[in-house]
């Protein structure tokens, strides 16, 4: 059965077209002000991954705006640790976008699925 899982994982990972950088907030002492501040620090870089997008069929309609809900999922190797709230910088199809992980990943034998939200600066 182990060989079957390896083959399944290889098949899934062959579809990865993106690269992911995982950034987490870390305390860093500012050399000028001597204050401790939180900065995004890379904990993993250039990890192969794949983004998947889907839209719900319903739109939230107001008098001025029609919003369609979009779900963004990241597919990545199961051994990668992604804490909820981590920032992920993903490059896929030549486009780099920053996201925030929005929950606990669903981890399977062959991959994990992480729900993402656009970082507020990009939304």
PDB file of N, CA and C in Angstrom:
ATOM      1  N   UNK A   1       0.813  -1.202   0.000  1.00  0.00           N
ATOM      2  CA  UNK A   1       0.000   0.000   0.000  1.00  0.00           C
ATOM      3  C   UNK A   1       0.858   1.268   0.000  1.00  0.00           C
ATOM      4  N   UNK A   2       2.050   1.182   0.592  1.00  0.00           N
ATOM      5  CA  UNK A   2       2.944   2.338   0.632  1.00  0.00           C
ATOM      6  C   UNK A   2       3.303   2.781  -0.780  1.00  0.00           C
ATOM      7  N   UNK A   3       3.579   1.833  -1.676  1.00  0.00           N
ATOM      8  CA  UNK A   3       3.897   2.189  -3.057  1.00  0.00           C
ATOM      9  C   UNK A   3       2.731   2.900  -3.733  1.00  0.00           C
ATOM     10  N   UNK A   4       1.513   2.481  -3.425  1.00  0.00           N
ATOM     11  CA  UNK A   4       0.338   3.131  -4.006  1.00  0.00           C
ATOM     12  C   UNK A   4       0.253   4.585  -3.547  1.00  0.00           C
ATOM     13  N   UNK A   5       0.536   4.842  -2.256  1.00  0.00           N
ATOM     14  CA  UNK A   5       0.515   6.220  -1.744  1.00  0.00           C
ATOM     15  C   UNK A   5       1.611   7.047  -2.407  1.00  0.00           C
ATOM     16  N   UNK A   6       2.782   6.446  -2.581  1.00  0.00           N
ATOM     17  CA  UNK A   6       3.887   7.163  -3.227  1.00  0.00           C
ATOM     18  C   UNK A   6       3.532   7.530  -4.662  1.00  0.00           C
ATOM     19  N   UNK A   7       2.898   6.593  -5.368  1.00  0.00           N
ATOM     20  CA  UNK A   7       2.503   6.858  -6.749  1.00  0.00           C
ATOM     21  C   UNK A   7       1.428   7.941  -6.804  1.00  0.00           C
ATOM     22  N   UNK A   8       0.476   7.871  -5.875  1.00  0.00           N
ATOM     23  CA  UNK A   8      -0.585   8.876  -5.836  1.00  0.00           C
ATOM     24  C   UNK A   8      -0.001  10.258  -5.535  1.00  0.00           C
ATOM     25  N   UNK A   9       0.919  10.313  -4.576  1.00  0.00           N
ATOM     26  CA  UNK A   9       1.547  11.591  -4.235  1.00  0.00           C
ATOM     27  C   UNK A   9       2.336  12.139  -5.419  1.00  0.00           C
ATOM     28  N   UNK A  10       3.072  11.272  -6.098  1.00  0.00           N
ATOM     29  CA  UNK A  10       3.848  11.702  -7.265  1.00  0.00           C
ATOM     30  C   UNK A  10       2.922  12.271  -8.342  1.00  0.00           C
ATOM     31  N   UNK A  11       1.774  11.626  -8.551  1.00  0.00           N
ATOM     32  CA  UNK A  11       0.811  12.099  -9.550  1.00  0.00           C
ATOM     33  C   UNK A  11       0.257  13.472  -9.166  1.00  0.00           C
ATOM     34  N   UNK A  12      -0.078  13.647  -7.892  1.00  0.00           N
ATOM     35  CA  UNK A  12      -0.598  14.940  -7.430  1.00  0.00           C
ATOM     36  C   UNK A  12       0.465  16.018  -7.579  1.00  0.00           C
ATOM     37  N   UNK A  13       1.685  15.718  -7.134  1.00  0.00           N
ATOM     38  CA  UNK A  13       2.748  16.722  -7.174  1.00  0.00           C
ATOM     39  C   UNK A  13       3.184  17.057  -8.598  1.00  0.00           C
ATOM     40  N   UNK A  14       2.913  16.175  -9.553  1.00  0.00           N
ATOM     41  CA  UNK A  14       3.250  16.486 -10.945  1.00  0.00           C
ATOM     42  C   UNK A  14       2.380  17.628 -11.479  1.00  0.00           C
ATOM     43  N   UNK A  15       1.279  17.899 -10.802  1.00  0.00           N
ATOM     44  CA  UNK A  15       0.381  18.988 -11.205  1.00  0.00           C
ATOM     45  C   UNK A  15       0.728  20.319 -10.542  1.00  0.00           C
ATOM     46  N   UNK A  16       1.680  20.323  -9.624  1.00  0.00           N
ATOM     47  CA  UNK A  16       2.079  21.563  -8.953  1.00  0.00           C
ATOM     48  C   UNK A  16       2.764  22.475  -9.961  1.00  0.00           C
ATOM     49  N   UNK A  17       2.242  23.672 -10.121  1.00  0.00           N
ATOM     50  CA  UNK A  17       2.785  24.639 -11.079  1.00  0.00           C
ATOM     51  C   UNK A  17       3.266  25.914 -10.396  1.00  0.00           C
ATOM     52  N   UNK A  18       3.145  25.972  -9.081  1.00  0.00           N
ATOM     53  CA  UNK A  18       3.510  27.183  -8.362  1.00  0.00           C
ATOM     54  C   UNK A  18       4.624  26.954  -7.369  1.00  0.00           C
ATOM     55  N   UNK A  19       5.090  28.067  -6.790  1.00  0.00           N
ATOM     56  CA  UNK A  19       6.079  28.036  -5.721  1.00  0.00           C
ATOM     57  C   UNK A  19       5.550  28.877  -4.569  1.00  0.00           C
ATOM     58  N   UNK A  20       5.757  28.390  -3.358  1.00  0.00           N
ATOM     59  CA  UNK A  20       5.203  29.018  -2.167  1.00  0.00           C
ATOM     60  C   UNK A  20       6.315  29.402  -1.197  1.00  0.00           C
ATOM     61  N   UNK A  21       6.238  30.622  -0.693  1.00  0.00           N
ATOM     62  CA  UNK A  21       7.079  31.064   0.418  1.00  0.00           C
ATOM     63  C   UNK A  21       6.154  31.218   1.621  1.00  0.00           C
ATOM     64  N   UNK A  22       6.541  30.662   2.753  1.00  0.00           N
ATOM     65  CA  UNK A  22       5.749  30.772   3.974  1.00  0.00           C
ATOM     66  C   UNK A  22       6.437  31.770   4.887  1.00  0.00           C
ATOM     67  N   UNK A  23       5.680  32.781   5.303  1.00  0.00           N
ATOM     68  CA  UNK A  23       6.217  33.817   6.180  1.00  0.00           C
ATOM     69  C   UNK A  23       5.425  33.834   7.482  1.00  0.00           C
ATOM     70  N   UNK A  24       6.122  33.954   8.588  1.00  0.00           N
ATOM     71  CA  UNK A  24       5.478  34.045   9.895  1.00  0.00           C
ATOM     72  C   UNK A  24       5.999  35.275  10.613  1.00  0.00           C
ATOM     73  N   UNK A  25       5.153  35.841  11.471  1.00  0.00           N
ATOM     74  CA  UNK A  25       5.549  37.009  12.263  1.00  0.00           C
ATOM     75  C   UNK A  25       6.564  36.575  13.312  1.00  0.00           C
ATOM     76  N   UNK A  26       7.672  37.279  13.360  1.00  0.00           N
ATOM     77  CA  UNK A  26       8.728  37.022  14.343  1.00  0.00           C
ATOM     78  C   UNK A  26       9.121  38.351  14.993  1.00  0.00           C
ATOM     79  N   UNK A  27       9.493  38.266  16.252  1.00  0.00           N
ATOM     80  CA  UNK A  27       9.968  39.456  16.953  1.00  0.00           C
ATOM     81  C   UNK A  27      11.392  39.762  16.502  1.00  0.00           C
ATOM     82  N   UNK A  28      11.594  41.018  16.085  1.00  0.00           N
ATOM     83  CA  UNK A  28      12.900  41.461  15.614  1.00  0.00           C
ATOM     84  C   UNK A  28      13.201  42.797  16.285  1.00  0.00           C
ATOM     85  N   UNK A  29      14.420  42.928  16.766  1.00  0.00           N
ATOM     86  CA  UNK A  29      14.819  44.184  17.403  1.00  0.00           C
ATOM     87  C   UNK A  29      15.314  45.145  16.331  1.00  0.00           C
ATOM     88  N   UNK A  30      14.683  46.316  16.264  1.00  0.00           N
ATOM     89  CA  UNK A  30      15.078  47.356  15.322  1.00  0.00           C
ATOM     90  C   UNK A  30      16.388  47.965  15.810  1.00  0.00           C
ATOM     91  N   UNK A  31      17.405  47.938  14.962  1.00  0.00           N
ATOM     92  CA  UNK A  31      18.733  48.425  15.349  1.00  0.00           C
ATOM     93  C   UNK A  31      18.757  49.933  15.594  1.00  0.00           C
ATOM     94  N   UNK A  32      17.897  50.667  14.910  1.00  0.00           N
ATOM     95  CA  UNK A  32      17.889  52.121  15.051  1.00  0.00           C
ATOM     96  C   UNK A  32      17.126  52.541  16.301  1.00  0.00           C
ATOM     97  N   UNK A  33      15.885  52.060  16.430  1.00  0.00           N
ATOM     98  CA  UNK A  33      15.036  52.488  17.548  1.00  0.00           C
ATOM     99  C   UNK A  33      15.197  51.618  18.787  1.00  0.00           C
ATOM    100  N   UNK A  34      15.813  50.463  18.635  1.00  0.00           N
ATOM    101  CA  UNK A  34      15.988  49.486  19.721  1.00  0.00           C
ATOM    102  C   UNK A  34      14.660  48.892  20.193  1.00  0.00           C
ATOM    103  N   UNK A  35      13.597  49.161  19.465  1.00  0.00           N
ATOM    104  CA  UNK A  35      12.291  48.599  19.802  1.00  0.00           C
ATOM    105  C   UNK A  35      12.150  47.222  19.166  1.00  0.00           C
ATOM    106  N   UNK A  36      11.417  46.353  19.831  1.00  0.00           N
ATOM    107  CA  UNK A  36      11.125  45.036  19.276  1.00  0.00           C
ATOM    108  C   UNK A  36       9.827  45.137  18.481  1.00  0.00           C
ATOM    109  N   UNK A  37       9.893  44.742  17.219  1.00  0.00           N
ATOM    110  CA  UNK A  37       8.734  44.813  16.333  1.00  0.00           C
ATOM    111  C   UNK A  37       8.490  43.442  15.704  1.00  0.00           C
ATOM    112  N   UNK A  38       7.268  43.236  15.225  1.00  0.00           N
ATOM    113  CA  UNK A  38       6.942  42.001  14.516  1.00  0.00           C
ATOM    114  C   UNK A  38       7.177  42.204  13.024  1.00  0.00           C
ATOM    115  N   UNK A  39       7.926  41.302  12.423  1.00  0.00           N
ATOM    116  CA  UNK A  39       8.196  41.361  10.986  1.00  0.00           C
ATOM    117  C   UNK A  39       7.906  40.004  10.367  1.00  0.00           C
ATOM    118  N   UNK A  40       7.508  40.033   9.091  1.00  0.00           N
ATOM    119  CA  UNK A  40       7.330  38.790   8.346  1.00  0.00           C
ATOM    120  C   UNK A  40       8.702  38.216   8.022  1.00  0.00           C
ATOM    121  N   UNK A  41       8.945  36.987   8.469  1.00  0.00           N
ATOM    122  CA  UNK A  41      10.213  36.312   8.210  1.00  0.00           C
ATOM    123  C   UNK A  41       9.913  35.004   7.478  1.00  0.00           C
ATOM    124  N   UNK A  42      10.684  34.717   6.430  1.00  0.00           N
ATOM    125  CA  UNK A  42      10.486  33.487   5.663  1.00  0.00           C
ATOM    126  C   UNK A  42      10.911  32.285   6.500  1.00  0.00           C
ATOM    127  N   UNK A  43      10.009  31.302   6.622  1.00  0.00           N
ATOM    128  CA  UNK A  43      10.350  30.050   7.304  1.00  0.00           C
ATOM    129  C   UNK A  43      10.534  28.923   6.291  1.00  0.00           C
ATOM    130  N   UNK A  44      10.068  29.145   5.056  1.00  0.00           N
ATOM    131  CA  UNK A  44      10.238  28.176   3.972  1.00  0.00           C
ATOM    132  C   UNK A  44      10.122  28.931   2.655  1.00  0.00           C
ATOM    133  N   UNK A  45      10.977  28.598   1.700  1.00  0.00           N
ATOM    134  CA  UNK A  45      10.959  29.282   0.407  1.00  0.00           C
ATOM    135  C   UNK A  45      10.944  28.281  -0.739  1.00  0.00           C
ATOM    136  N   UNK A  46      10.296  28.697  -1.825  1.00  0.00           N
ATOM    137  CA  UNK A  46      10.277  27.945  -3.090  1.00  0.00           C
ATOM    138  C   UNK A  46       9.766  26.518  -2.951  1.00  0.00           C
ATOM    139  N   UNK A  47       8.726  26.333  -2.152  1.00  0.00           N
ATOM    140  CA  UNK A  47       8.113  25.015  -1.991  1.00  0.00           C
ATOM    141  C   UNK A  47       7.103  24.808  -3.124  1.00  0.00           C
ATOM    142  N   UNK A  48       7.229  23.736  -3.915  1.00  0.00           N
ATOM    143  CA  UNK A  48       6.256  23.484  -4.981  1.00  0.00           C
ATOM    144  C   UNK A  48       4.834  23.362  -4.421  1.00  0.00           C
ATOM    145  N   UNK A  49       3.878  23.905  -5.171  1.00  0.00           N
ATOM    146  CA  UNK A  49       2.486  23.908  -4.724  1.00  0.00           C
ATOM    147  C   UNK A  49       1.570  24.139  -5.925  1.00  0.00           C
ATOM    148  N   UNK A  50       0.280  24.178  -5.634  1.00  0.00           N
ATOM    149  CA  UNK A  50      -0.708  24.492  -6.665  1.00  0.00           C
ATOM    150  C   UNK A  50      -1.865  25.231  -6.020  1.00  0.00           C
ATOM    151  N   UNK A  51      -2.318  26.286  -6.684  1.00  0.00           N
ATOM    152  CA  UNK A  51      -3.507  27.004  -6.247  1.00  0.00           C
ATOM    153  C   UNK A  51      -4.706  26.505  -7.030  1.00  0.00           C
ATOM    154  N   UNK A  52      -5.837  26.460  -6.352  1.00  0.00           N
ATOM    155  CA  UNK A  52      -7.089  26.087  -6.992  1.00  0.00           C
ATOM    156  C   UNK A  52      -8.136  27.124  -6.607  1.00  0.00           C
ATOM    157  N   UNK A  53      -8.912  27.548  -7.583  1.00  0.00           N
ATOM    158  CA  UNK A  53      -9.946  28.552  -7.353  1.00  0.00           C
ATOM    159  C   UNK A  53     -11.301  27.966  -7.699  1.00  0.00           C
ATOM    160  N   UNK A  54     -12.295  28.315  -6.910  1.00  0.00           N
ATOM    161  CA  UNK A  54     -13.668  27.967  -7.265  1.00  0.00           C
ATOM    162  C   UNK A  54     -14.573  29.087  -6.779  1.00  0.00           C
ATOM    163  N   UNK A  55     -15.670  29.283  -7.474  1.00  0.00           N
ATOM    164  CA  UNK A  55     -16.626  30.324  -7.114  1.00  0.00           C
ATOM    165  C   UNK A  55     -17.954  29.691  -6.788  1.00  0.00           C
ATOM    166  N   UNK A  56     -18.622  30.278  -5.810  1.00  0.00           N
ATOM    167  CA  UNK A  56     -19.969  29.797  -5.512  1.00  0.00           C
ATOM    168  C   UNK A  56     -20.904  30.360  -6.566  1.00  0.00           C
ATOM    169  N   UNK A  57     -21.981  29.690  -6.802  1.00  0.00           N
ATOM    170  CA  UNK A  57     -22.926  30.123  -7.818  1.00  0.00           C
ATOM    171  C   UNK A  57     -23.781  31.289  -7.387  1.00  0.00           C
ATOM    172  N   UNK A  58     -23.772  31.614  -6.084  1.00  0.00           N
ATOM    173  CA  UNK A  58     -24.625  32.687  -5.601  1.00  0.00           C
ATOM    174  C   UNK A  58     -23.836  33.976  -5.462  1.00  0.00           C
ATOM    175  N   UNK A  59     -24.518  35.070  -5.717  1.00  0.00           N
ATOM    176  CA  UNK A  59     -23.894  36.387  -5.579  1.00  0.00           C
ATOM    177  C   UNK A  59     -24.569  37.131  -4.442  1.00  0.00           C
ATOM    178  N   UNK A  60     -23.780  37.859  -3.680  1.00  0.00           N
ATOM    179  CA  UNK A  60     -24.317  38.736  -2.645  1.00  0.00           C
ATOM    180  C   UNK A  60     -24.590  40.079  -3.298  1.00  0.00           C
ATOM    181  N   UNK A  61     -25.862  40.419  -3.454  1.00  0.00           N
ATOM    182  CA  UNK A  61     -26.255  41.619  -4.178  1.00  0.00           C
ATOM    183  C   UNK A  61     -26.638  42.717  -3.196  1.00  0.00           C
ATOM    184  N   UNK A  62     -26.082  43.910  -3.408  1.00  0.00           N
ATOM    185  CA  UNK A  62     -26.521  45.098  -2.684  1.00  0.00           C
ATOM    186  C   UNK A  62     -26.991  46.096  -3.730  1.00  0.00           C
ATOM    187  N   UNK A  63     -27.386  47.277  -3.281  1.00  0.00           N
ATOM    188  CA  UNK A  63     -27.847  48.294  -4.228  1.00  0.00           C
ATOM    189  C   UNK A  63     -26.738  48.737  -5.177  1.00  0.00           C
ATOM    190  N   UNK A  64     -25.492  48.662  -4.719  1.00  0.00           N
ATOM    191  CA  UNK A  64     -24.399  49.196  -5.530  1.00  0.00           C
ATOM    192  C   UNK A  64     -23.392  48.162  -6.006  1.00  0.00           C
ATOM    193  N   UNK A  65     -23.319  47.010  -5.341  1.00  0.00           N
ATOM    194  CA  UNK A  65     -22.258  46.053  -5.640  1.00  0.00           C
ATOM    195  C   UNK A  65     -22.816  44.639  -5.676  1.00  0.00           C
ATOM    196  N   UNK A  66     -22.267  43.838  -6.572  1.00  0.00           N
ATOM    197  CA  UNK A  66     -22.575  42.414  -6.612  1.00  0.00           C
ATOM    198  C   UNK A  66     -21.287  41.654  -6.328  1.00  0.00           C
ATOM    199  N   UNK A  67     -21.254  40.906  -5.239  1.00  0.00           N
ATOM    200  CA  UNK A  67     -20.062  40.145  -4.853  1.00  0.00           C
ATOM    201  C   UNK A  67     -20.287  38.663  -5.084  1.00  0.00           C
ATOM    202  N   UNK A  68     -19.324  38.008  -5.693  1.00  0.00           N
ATOM    203  CA  UNK A  68     -19.367  36.559  -5.855  1.00  0.00           C
ATOM    204  C   UNK A  68     -18.291  35.974  -4.955  1.00  0.00           C
ATOM    205  N   UNK A  69     -18.675  35.005  -4.143  1.00  0.00           N
ATOM    206  CA  UNK A  69     -17.732  34.369  -3.227  1.00  0.00           C
ATOM    207  C   UNK A  69     -16.751  33.499  -4.009  1.00  0.00           C
ATOM    208  N   UNK A  70     -15.473  33.618  -3.680  1.00  0.00           N
ATOM    209  CA  UNK A  70     -14.441  32.795  -4.307  1.00  0.00           C
ATOM    210  C   UNK A  70     -13.705  32.025  -3.220  1.00  0.00           C
ATOM    211  N   UNK A  71     -13.493  30.738  -3.467  1.00  0.00           N
ATOM    212  CA  UNK A  71     -12.733  29.895  -2.554  1.00  0.00           C
ATOM    213  C   UNK A  71     -11.366  29.655  -3.168  1.00  0.00           C
ATOM    214  N   UNK A  72     -10.321  29.878  -2.363  1.00  0.00           N
ATOM    215  CA  UNK A  72      -8.949  29.670  -2.824  1.00  0.00           C
ATOM    216  C   UNK A  72      -8.339  28.581  -1.959  1.00  0.00           C
ATOM    217  N   UNK A  73      -7.824  27.528  -2.594  1.00  0.00           N
ATOM    218  CA  UNK A  73      -7.182  26.430  -1.870  1.00  0.00           C
ATOM    219  C   UNK A  73      -5.767  26.244  -2.368  1.00  0.00           C
ATOM    220  N   UNK A  74      -4.899  25.936  -1.417  1.00  0.00           N
ATOM    221  CA  UNK A  74      -3.509  25.630  -1.716  1.00  0.00           C
ATOM    222  C   UNK A  74      -3.303  24.139  -1.532  1.00  0.00           C
ATOM    223  N   UNK A  75      -2.692  23.505  -2.515  1.00  0.00           N
ATOM    224  CA  UNK A  75      -2.302  22.100  -2.422  1.00  0.00           C
ATOM    225  C   UNK A  75      -0.790  22.080  -2.275  1.00  0.00           C
ATOM    226  N   UNK A  76      -0.303  21.377  -1.250  1.00  0.00           N
ATOM    227  CA  UNK A  76       1.119  21.383  -0.930  1.00  0.00           C
ATOM    228  C   UNK A  76       1.456  20.077  -0.215  1.00  0.00           C
ATOM    229  N   UNK A  77       2.732  19.737  -0.123  1.00  0.00           N
ATOM    230  CA  UNK A  77       3.176  18.487   0.510  1.00  0.00           C
ATOM    231  C   UNK A  77       2.661  18.387   1.950  1.00  0.00           C
ATOM    232  N   UNK A  78       2.306  17.170   2.384  1.00  0.00           N
ATOM    233  CA  UNK A  78       1.683  17.002   3.702  1.00  0.00           C
ATOM    234  C   UNK A  78       2.603  17.273   4.887  1.00  0.00           C
ATOM    235  N   UNK A  79       3.904  17.190   4.696  1.00  0.00           N
ATOM    236  CA  UNK A  79       4.818  17.383   5.834  1.00  0.00           C
ATOM    237  C   UNK A  79       5.120  18.856   6.121  1.00  0.00           C
ATOM    238  N   UNK A  80       4.676  19.756   5.261  1.00  0.00           N
ATOM    239  CA  UNK A  80       4.917  21.185   5.449  1.00  0.00           C
ATOM    240  C   UNK A  80       3.993  21.698   6.553  1.00  0.00           C
ATOM    241  N   UNK A  81       4.553  22.441   7.498  1.00  0.00           N
ATOM    242  CA  UNK A  81       3.770  23.007   8.602  1.00  0.00           C
ATOM    243  C   UNK A  81       3.365  24.433   8.248  1.00  0.00           C
ATOM    244  N   UNK A  82       2.047  24.657   8.225  1.00  0.00           N
ATOM    245  CA  UNK A  82       1.518  25.989   7.950  1.00  0.00           C
ATOM    246  C   UNK A  82       0.570  26.348   9.085  1.00  0.00           C
ATOM    247  N   UNK A  83       0.970  27.299   9.898  1.00  0.00           N
ATOM    248  CA  UNK A  83       0.142  27.721  11.027  1.00  0.00           C
ATOM    249  C   UNK A  83      -0.993  28.605  10.525  1.00  0.00           C
ATOM    250  N   UNK A  84      -2.183  28.483  11.141  1.00  0.00           N
ATOM    251  CA  UNK A  84      -3.273  29.390  10.770  1.00  0.00           C
ATOM    252  C   UNK A  84      -2.819  30.842  10.939  1.00  0.00           C
ATOM    253  N   UNK A  85      -3.132  31.675   9.960  1.00  0.00           N
ATOM    254  CA  UNK A  85      -2.732  33.072  10.006  1.00  0.00           C
ATOM    255  C   UNK A  85      -1.387  33.357   9.369  1.00  0.00           C
ATOM    256  N   UNK A  86      -0.684  32.315   8.930  1.00  0.00           N
ATOM    257  CA  UNK A  86       0.603  32.529   8.259  1.00  0.00           C
ATOM    258  C   UNK A  86       0.379  33.243   6.931  1.00  0.00           C
ATOM    259  N   UNK A  87       1.366  34.032   6.541  1.00  0.00           N
ATOM    260  CA  UNK A  87       1.327  34.692   5.236  1.00  0.00           C
ATOM    261  C   UNK A  87       1.999  33.775   4.231  1.00  0.00           C
ATOM    262  N   UNK A  88       1.379  33.618   3.073  1.00  0.00           N
ATOM    263  CA  UNK A  88       1.944  32.789   2.017  1.00  0.00           C
ATOM    264  C   UNK A  88       2.085  33.634   0.762  1.00  0.00           C
ATOM    265  N   UNK A  89       3.272  33.680   0.216  1.00  0.00           N
ATOM    266  CA  UNK A  89       3.539  34.391  -1.038  1.00  0.00           C
ATOM    267  C   UNK A  89       3.668  33.324  -2.113  1.00  0.00           C
ATOM    268  N   UNK A  90       2.699  33.298  -3.022  1.00  0.00           N
ATOM    269  CA  UNK A  90       2.632  32.224  -4.008  1.00  0.00           C
ATOM    270  C   UNK A  90       2.786  32.796  -5.412  1.00  0.00           C
ATOM    271  N   UNK A  91       3.670  32.159  -6.172  1.00  0.00           N
ATOM    272  CA  UNK A  91       3.864  32.512  -7.574  1.00  0.00           C
ATOM    273  C   UNK A  91       3.388  31.336  -8.411  1.00  0.00           C
ATOM    274  N   UNK A  92       2.396  31.600  -9.254  1.00  0.00           N
ATOM    275  CA  UNK A  92       1.868  30.568 -10.150  1.00  0.00           C
ATOM    276  C   UNK A  92       1.480  31.252 -11.453  1.00  0.00           C
ATOM    277  N   UNK A  93       1.830  30.649 -12.560  1.00  0.00           N
ATOM    278  CA  UNK A  93       1.550  31.204 -13.893  1.00  0.00           C
ATOM    279  C   UNK A  93       2.115  32.616 -14.046  1.00  0.00           C
ATOM    280  N   UNK A  94       3.283  32.856 -13.438  1.00  0.00           N
ATOM    281  CA  UNK A  94       3.950  34.142 -13.581  1.00  0.00           C
ATOM    282  C   UNK A  94       3.389  35.269 -12.731  1.00  0.00           C
ATOM    283  N   UNK A  95       2.424  34.972 -11.871  1.00  0.00           N
ATOM    284  CA  UNK A  95       1.805  35.987 -11.026  1.00  0.00           C
ATOM    285  C   UNK A  95       2.110  35.671  -9.566  1.00  0.00           C
ATOM    286  N   UNK A  96       2.603  36.668  -8.822  1.00  0.00           N
ATOM    287  CA  UNK A  96       2.899  36.498  -7.406  1.00  0.00           C
ATOM    288  C   UNK A  96       1.856  37.252  -6.588  1.00  0.00           C
ATOM    289  N   UNK A  97       1.235  36.551  -5.633  1.00  0.00           N
ATOM    290  CA  UNK A  97       0.187  37.130  -4.798  1.00  0.00           C
ATOM    291  C   UNK A  97       0.396  36.692  -3.359  1.00  0.00           C
ATOM    292  N   UNK A  98       0.072  37.592  -2.423  1.00  0.00           N
ATOM    293  CA  UNK A  98       0.159  37.278  -1.003  1.00  0.00           C
ATOM    294  C   UNK A  98      -1.203  36.862  -0.478  1.00  0.00           C
ATOM    295  N   UNK A  99      -1.206  35.786   0.313  1.00  0.00           N
ATOM    296  CA  UNK A  99      -2.414  35.245   0.916  1.00  0.00           C
ATOM    297  C   UNK A  99      -2.181  35.047   2.407  1.00  0.00           C
ATOM    298  N   UNK A 100      -3.273  34.822   3.129  1.00  0.00           N
ATOM    299  CA  UNK A 100      -3.221  34.456   4.539  1.00  0.00           C
ATOM    300  C   UNK A 100      -3.920  33.111   4.673  1.00  0.00           C
ATOM    301  N   UNK A 101      -3.287  32.166   5.394  1.00  0.00           N
ATOM    302  CA  UNK A 101      -3.961  30.882   5.623  1.00  0.00           C
ATOM    303  C   UNK A 101      -5.108  31.139   6.589  1.00  0.00           C
ATOM    304  N   UNK A 102      -6.283  30.619   6.269  1.00  0.00           N
ATOM    305  CA  UNK A 102      -7.479  30.990   7.022  1.00  0.00           C
ATOM    306  C   UNK A 102      -8.034  29.865   7.872  1.00  0.00           C
ATOM    307  N   UNK A 103      -7.230  28.890   8.179  1.00  0.00           N
ATOM    308  CA  UNK A 103      -7.731  27.822   9.034  1.00  0.00           C
ATOM    309  C   UNK A 103      -6.722  26.715   9.178  1.00  0.00           C
ATOM    310  N   UNK A 104      -7.165  25.648   9.795  1.00  0.00           N
ATOM    311  CA  UNK A 104      -6.313  24.482   9.994  1.00  0.00           C
ATOM    312  C   UNK A 104      -6.303  23.671   8.700  1.00  0.00           C
ATOM    313  N   UNK A 105      -5.131  23.301   8.198  1.00  0.00           N
ATOM    314  CA  UNK A 105      -5.062  22.541   6.944  1.00  0.00           C
ATOM    315  C   UNK A 105      -5.709  21.158   7.068  1.00  0.00           C
ATOM    316  N   UNK A 106      -6.262  20.687   5.967  1.00  0.00           N
ATOM    317  CA  UNK A 106      -6.744  19.304   5.876  1.00  0.00           C
ATOM    318  C   UNK A 106      -5.576  18.486   5.341  1.00  0.00           C
ATOM    319  N   UNK A 107      -5.008  17.623   6.189  1.00  0.00           N
ATOM    320  CA  UNK A 107      -3.803  16.880   5.829  1.00  0.00           C
ATOM    321  C   UNK A 107      -4.175  15.451   5.454  1.00  0.00           C
ATOM    322  N   UNK A 108      -3.719  15.020   4.282  1.00  0.00           N
ATOM    323  CA  UNK A 108      -3.944  13.673   3.779  1.00  0.00           C
ATOM    324  C   UNK A 108      -2.596  12.985   3.597  1.00  0.00           C
ATOM    325  N   UNK A 109      -2.611  11.713   3.239  1.00  0.00           N
ATOM    326  CA  UNK A 109      -1.366  10.968   3.038  1.00  0.00           C
ATOM    327  C   UNK A 109      -0.541  11.531   1.882  1.00  0.00           C
ATOM    328  N   UNK A 110      -1.220  12.071   0.881  1.00  0.00           N
ATOM    329  CA  UNK A 110      -0.548  12.487  -0.349  1.00  0.00           C
ATOM    330  C   UNK A 110      -0.334  13.992  -0.473  1.00  0.00           C
ATOM    331  N   UNK A 111      -1.089  14.775   0.281  1.00  0.00           N
ATOM    332  CA  UNK A 111      -1.022  16.233   0.168  1.00  0.00           C
ATOM    333  C   UNK A 111      -1.790  16.859   1.325  1.00  0.00           C
ATOM    334  N   UNK A 112      -1.764  18.166   1.388  1.00  0.00           N
ATOM    335  CA  UNK A 112      -2.653  18.876   2.298  1.00  0.00           C
ATOM    336  C   UNK A 112      -3.325  20.006   1.541  1.00  0.00           C
ATOM    337  N   UNK A 113      -4.500  20.371   2.019  1.00  0.00           N
ATOM    338  CA  UNK A 113      -5.266  21.455   1.424  1.00  0.00           C
ATOM    339  C   UNK A 113      -5.410  22.553   2.466  1.00  0.00           C
ATOM    340  N   UNK A 114      -5.040  23.761   2.070  1.00  0.00           N
ATOM    341  CA  UNK A 114      -5.082  24.900   2.974  1.00  0.00           C
ATOM    342  C   UNK A 114      -6.000  25.955   2.368  1.00  0.00           C
ATOM    343  N   UNK A 115      -7.021  26.365   3.108  1.00  0.00           N
ATOM    344  CA  UNK A 115      -7.892  27.445   2.650  1.00  0.00           C
ATOM    345  C   UNK A 115      -7.162  28.766   2.808  1.00  0.00           C
ATOM    346  N   UNK A 116      -7.257  29.598   1.785  1.00  0.00           N
ATOM    347  CA  UNK A 116      -6.548  30.878   1.779  1.00  0.00           C
ATOM    348  C   UNK A 116      -7.514  32.030   1.585  1.00  0.00           C
ATOM    349  N   UNK A 117      -7.080  33.188   2.047  1.00  0.00           N
ATOM    350  CA  UNK A 117      -7.765  34.445   1.773  1.00  0.00           C
ATOM    351  C   UNK A 117      -6.728  35.403   1.212  1.00  0.00           C
ATOM    352  N   UNK A 118      -7.167  36.290   0.327  1.00  0.00           N
ATOM    353  CA  UNK A 118      -6.254  37.324  -0.150  1.00  0.00           C
ATOM    354  C   UNK A 118      -5.823  38.172   1.028  1.00  0.00           C
ATOM    355  N   UNK A 119      -4.557  38.535   1.065  1.00  0.00           N
ATOM    356  CA  UNK A 119      -4.109  39.446   2.112  1.00  0.00           C
ATOM    357  C   UNK A 119      -4.857  40.762   1.931  1.00  0.00           C
ATOM    358  N   UNK A 120      -5.233  41.400   3.016  1.00  0.00           N
ATOM    359  CA  UNK A 120      -6.078  42.603   2.961  1.00  0.00           C
ATOM    360  C   UNK A 120      -5.517  43.679   2.035  1.00  0.00           C
ATOM    361  N   UNK A 121      -4.195  43.813   1.969  1.00  0.00           N
ATOM    362  CA  UNK A 121      -3.581  44.810   1.085  1.00  0.00           C
ATOM    363  C   UNK A 121      -3.870  44.513  -0.378  1.00  0.00           C
ATOM    364  N   UNK A 122      -4.099  43.223  -0.712  1.00  0.00           N
ATOM    365  CA  UNK A 122      -4.320  42.822  -2.106  1.00  0.00           C
ATOM    366  C   UNK A 122      -5.791  42.676  -2.446  1.00  0.00           C
ATOM    367  N   UNK A 123      -6.647  42.680  -1.442  1.00  0.00           N
ATOM    368  CA  UNK A 123      -8.073  42.414  -1.678  1.00  0.00           C
ATOM    369  C   UNK A 123      -8.744  43.584  -2.358  1.00  0.00           C
TER     370      UNK A 123
END
